[in-house]
Amino acid sequence: MEVIQGNAEAEAIPIVRVENSLAQVTHETAIGCVDKKEIETLMALGLEEDNSLDIIVKGMLA
């Protein structure tokens, strides 16, 4: 789903192409870096870092 205002165009298949140089966008299926706080939270609950990362990534893919 794209939110578009004014005289704008957006296309997501699964690459997002935006023709507004001021826009900051990403596609919902884009996987960048995992939030360090999420990993730290799971580690505080007793999980190893690798296991924490696995759980977060699997959650993104589910």
N, C-alpha and C. Protein backbone atom coordinates (compact mmCIF):
# COMPACT_ATOMS: atom_id res chain seq x y z
N MET A 1 0.85 -1.17 0.00
CA MET A 1 0.00 0.00 0.00
C MET A 1 0.90 1.23 0.00
N GLU A 2 0.59 2.17 -0.82
CA GLU A 2 1.31 3.42 -0.85
C GLU A 2 0.40 4.55 -0.40
N VAL A 3 0.97 5.53 0.24
CA VAL A 3 0.24 6.74 0.60
C VAL A 3 0.80 7.84 -0.27
N ILE A 4 -0.05 8.43 -1.06
CA ILE A 4 0.40 9.43 -2.02
C ILE A 4 -0.39 10.71 -1.81
N GLN A 5 0.32 11.83 -1.82
CA GLN A 5 -0.33 13.13 -1.68
C GLN A 5 0.10 14.04 -2.82
N GLY A 6 -0.79 14.92 -3.20
CA GLY A 6 -0.46 15.90 -4.21
C GLY A 6 -0.18 15.27 -5.56
N ASN A 7 0.73 15.85 -6.29
CA ASN A 7 1.08 15.40 -7.63
C ASN A 7 2.26 14.44 -7.52
N ALA A 8 2.00 13.19 -7.16
CA ALA A 8 3.06 12.23 -6.92
C ALA A 8 2.74 10.90 -7.59
N GLU A 9 3.78 10.13 -7.83
CA GLU A 9 3.64 8.78 -8.37
C GLU A 9 4.49 7.85 -7.53
N ALA A 10 3.99 6.65 -7.30
CA ALA A 10 4.77 5.63 -6.59
C ALA A 10 4.46 4.28 -7.21
N GLU A 11 5.46 3.40 -7.21
CA GLU A 11 5.29 2.08 -7.78
C GLU A 11 6.07 1.10 -6.88
N ALA A 12 5.44 0.00 -6.50
CA ALA A 12 6.11 -0.98 -5.64
C ALA A 12 5.89 -2.38 -6.18
N ILE A 13 6.95 -2.95 -6.77
CA ILE A 13 6.81 -4.30 -7.35
C ILE A 13 8.11 -5.08 -7.21
N PRO A 14 8.68 -5.49 -6.20
CA PRO A 14 8.68 -5.02 -4.84
C PRO A 14 9.66 -3.88 -4.60
N ILE A 15 10.12 -3.27 -5.67
CA ILE A 15 11.03 -2.12 -5.55
C ILE A 15 10.20 -0.86 -5.51
N VAL A 16 10.53 0.03 -4.62
CA VAL A 16 9.82 1.30 -4.53
C VAL A 16 10.62 2.34 -5.31
N ARG A 17 9.96 2.97 -6.26
CA ARG A 17 10.59 4.04 -7.03
C ARG A 17 9.80 5.30 -6.76
N VAL A 18 10.44 6.28 -6.18
CA VAL A 18 9.77 7.53 -5.82
C VAL A 18 10.51 8.67 -6.51
N GLU A 19 9.77 9.56 -7.10
CA GLU A 19 10.39 10.65 -7.84
C GLU A 19 10.37 11.96 -7.08
N ASN A 20 10.39 11.89 -5.76
CA ASN A 20 10.49 13.08 -4.92
C ASN A 20 11.75 12.93 -4.10
N SER A 21 12.75 13.76 -4.34
CA SER A 21 14.05 13.62 -3.69
C SER A 21 13.98 13.84 -2.18
N LEU A 22 12.91 14.43 -1.68
CA LEU A 22 12.77 14.66 -0.23
C LEU A 22 12.09 13.49 0.49
N ALA A 23 11.53 12.56 -0.27
CA ALA A 23 10.79 11.44 0.33
C ALA A 23 11.74 10.42 0.94
N GLN A 24 11.34 9.85 2.07
CA GLN A 24 12.05 8.75 2.70
C GLN A 24 11.08 7.59 2.81
N VAL A 25 11.27 6.60 1.95
CA VAL A 25 10.31 5.49 1.89
C VAL A 25 11.03 4.16 1.87
N THR A 26 10.30 3.11 2.21
CA THR A 26 10.79 1.75 2.08
C THR A 26 9.58 0.87 1.78
N HIS A 27 9.83 -0.26 1.20
CA HIS A 27 8.75 -1.20 0.93
C HIS A 27 8.60 -2.10 2.15
N GLU A 28 7.40 -2.51 2.45
CA GLU A 28 7.18 -3.31 3.66
C GLU A 28 7.92 -4.64 3.65
N THR A 29 8.32 -5.12 2.47
CA THR A 29 9.07 -6.37 2.43
C THR A 29 10.58 -6.14 2.46
N ALA A 30 10.99 -4.89 2.47
CA ALA A 30 12.42 -4.60 2.55
C ALA A 30 12.94 -4.97 3.93
N ILE A 31 14.02 -5.72 3.94
CA ILE A 31 14.61 -6.09 5.23
C ILE A 31 15.96 -5.41 5.32
N GLY A 32 16.06 -4.51 6.24
CA GLY A 32 17.32 -3.82 6.46
C GLY A 32 18.00 -4.40 7.67
N CYS A 33 18.40 -3.56 8.55
CA CYS A 33 19.05 -4.05 9.75
C CYS A 33 18.01 -4.29 10.85
N VAL A 34 18.32 -5.22 11.70
CA VAL A 34 17.43 -5.54 12.82
C VAL A 34 17.69 -4.53 13.93
N ASP A 35 16.63 -4.07 14.54
CA ASP A 35 16.73 -3.09 15.62
C ASP A 35 17.52 -3.67 16.79
N LYS A 36 18.59 -3.01 17.16
CA LYS A 36 19.46 -3.48 18.25
C LYS A 36 18.68 -3.63 19.55
N LYS A 37 17.71 -2.75 19.80
CA LYS A 37 16.92 -2.84 21.03
C LYS A 37 16.12 -4.13 21.09
N GLU A 38 15.63 -4.58 19.94
CA GLU A 38 14.87 -5.84 19.92
C GLU A 38 15.77 -7.01 20.31
N ILE A 39 16.99 -7.01 19.76
CA ILE A 39 17.94 -8.07 20.11
C ILE A 39 18.28 -8.01 21.60
N GLU A 40 18.56 -6.81 22.10
CA GLU A 40 18.92 -6.64 23.51
C GLU A 40 17.78 -7.08 24.43
N THR A 41 16.55 -6.81 24.02
CA THR A 41 15.40 -7.21 24.83
C THR A 41 15.33 -8.73 24.95
N LEU A 42 15.49 -9.43 23.83
CA LEU A 42 15.45 -10.89 23.87
C LEU A 42 16.64 -11.46 24.64
N MET A 43 17.79 -10.81 24.52
CA MET A 43 18.97 -11.27 25.25
C MET A 43 18.78 -11.06 26.76
N ALA A 44 18.09 -9.99 27.14
CA ALA A 44 17.80 -9.74 28.55
C ALA A 44 16.89 -10.81 29.11
N LEU A 45 16.13 -11.46 28.24
CA LEU A 45 15.24 -12.54 28.66
C LEU A 45 15.93 -13.90 28.65
N GLY A 46 17.24 -13.90 28.32
CA GLY A 46 18.02 -15.12 28.45
C GLY A 46 18.43 -15.79 27.15
N LEU A 47 18.08 -15.21 26.00
CA LEU A 47 18.45 -15.81 24.73
C LEU A 47 19.84 -15.35 24.30
N GLU A 48 20.52 -16.19 23.53
CA GLU A 48 21.80 -15.81 22.94
C GLU A 48 21.53 -14.84 21.79
N GLU A 49 22.53 -14.08 21.40
CA GLU A 49 22.36 -13.09 20.33
C GLU A 49 21.91 -13.74 19.02
N ASP A 50 22.55 -14.85 18.65
CA ASP A 50 22.17 -15.52 17.39
C ASP A 50 20.73 -16.00 17.42
N ASN A 51 20.30 -16.56 18.55
CA ASN A 51 18.91 -17.03 18.67
C ASN A 51 17.94 -15.86 18.62
N SER A 52 18.31 -14.76 19.25
CA SER A 52 17.46 -13.57 19.23
C SER A 52 17.28 -13.07 17.80
N LEU A 53 18.37 -13.00 17.07
CA LEU A 53 18.32 -12.55 15.68
C LEU A 53 17.47 -13.48 14.83
N ASP A 54 17.62 -14.78 15.02
CA ASP A 54 16.81 -15.76 14.28
C ASP A 54 15.33 -15.55 14.52
N ILE A 55 14.96 -15.35 15.76
CA ILE A 55 13.54 -15.17 16.10
C ILE A 55 12.98 -13.91 15.46
N ILE A 56 13.74 -12.83 15.49
CA ILE A 56 13.28 -11.57 14.91
C ILE A 56 13.13 -11.69 13.39
N VAL A 57 14.11 -12.28 12.73
CA VAL A 57 14.05 -12.43 11.28
C VAL A 57 12.90 -13.37 10.87
N LYS A 58 12.73 -14.46 11.59
CA LYS A 58 11.62 -15.38 11.29
C LYS A 58 10.29 -14.68 11.48
N GLY A 59 10.20 -13.80 12.47
CA GLY A 59 8.97 -13.03 12.68
C GLY A 59 8.69 -12.09 11.52
N MET A 60 9.75 -11.53 10.93
CA MET A 60 9.57 -10.64 9.77
C MET A 60 9.09 -11.42 8.55
N LEU A 61 9.54 -12.65 8.43
CA LEU A 61 9.21 -13.45 7.26
C LEU A 61 7.88 -14.19 7.39
N ALA A 62 7.35 -14.26 8.59
CA ALA A 62 6.11 -15.01 8.81
C ALA A 62 4.90 -14.29 8.27
